[in-house]
Amino acid sequence: MLEKLINKGQKSGFSTIDFTGDMQIPDSEKFRQTLFNGLGRAKAFGCGLLMVKRL
């Protein structure tokens, strides 16, 4: 499929964003699942991963 896009002169792409801040976690099980599985549609491209540290 990528070959077809390149041949037609089109490029595929996506954008990323970084957030920094504090958060409170009301549902620890849901947070754990998201932390280990990632979130969003671009996980296959290395996006959607969370890096957190305890204060």
Protein backbone atom coordinates (compact mmCIF):
# COMPACT_ATOMS: atom_id res chain seq x y z
CA MET A 1 0.00 0.00 0.00
CA LEU A 2 2.81 2.42 0.85
CA GLU A 3 4.30 1.70 -2.56
CA LYS A 4 1.04 2.81 -4.21
CA LEU A 5 1.02 6.06 -2.22
CA ILE A 6 4.61 6.87 -3.15
CA ASN A 7 3.93 6.12 -6.82
CA LYS A 8 0.99 8.54 -6.80
CA GLY A 9 3.13 11.27 -5.24
CA GLN A 10 1.25 11.17 -1.94
CA LYS A 11 2.88 10.86 1.44
CA SER A 12 1.49 9.32 4.58
CA GLY A 13 2.15 10.93 7.92
CA PHE A 14 1.04 11.67 11.43
CA SER A 15 1.78 14.23 14.11
CA THR A 16 2.73 13.91 17.76
CA ILE A 17 2.38 16.02 20.87
CA ASP A 18 4.00 15.92 24.31
CA PHE A 19 2.21 16.86 27.52
CA THR A 20 3.87 17.64 30.82
CA GLY A 21 2.01 18.09 34.08
CA ASP A 22 0.48 16.55 37.19
CA MET A 23 -2.52 14.24 37.26
CA GLN A 24 -4.78 12.45 39.67
CA ILE A 25 -5.90 8.92 38.83
CA PRO A 26 -9.46 8.08 39.94
CA ASP A 27 -9.56 4.62 38.27
CA SER A 28 -6.25 2.87 38.87
CA GLU A 29 -7.17 -0.27 36.88
CA LYS A 30 -8.10 1.70 33.76
CA PHE A 31 -4.92 3.75 34.09
CA ARG A 32 -2.82 0.56 34.42
CA GLN A 33 -4.36 -0.87 31.24
CA THR A 34 -3.70 2.35 29.34
CA LEU A 35 -0.15 2.58 30.67
CA PHE A 36 0.73 -0.94 29.50
CA ASN A 37 -1.28 -0.96 26.24
CA GLY A 38 -0.91 2.64 25.07
CA LEU A 39 -3.65 4.85 23.67
CA GLY A 40 -4.73 6.27 20.34
CA ARG A 41 -4.62 5.11 16.73
CA ALA A 42 -0.90 5.58 16.04
CA LYS A 43 0.40 2.97 18.51
CA ALA A 44 1.89 0.96 15.65
CA PHE A 45 4.14 3.95 14.92
CA GLY A 46 5.43 4.23 18.50
CA CYS A 47 2.93 6.89 19.52
CA GLY A 48 0.43 6.59 22.33
CA LEU A 49 2.92 5.47 24.92
CA LEU A 50 2.92 7.01 28.39
CA MET A 51 5.98 7.88 30.41
CA VAL A 52 5.06 8.64 34.01
CA LYS A 53 6.97 9.04 37.24
CA ARG A 54 5.78 9.21 40.80
CA LEU A 55 6.35 12.46 42.68
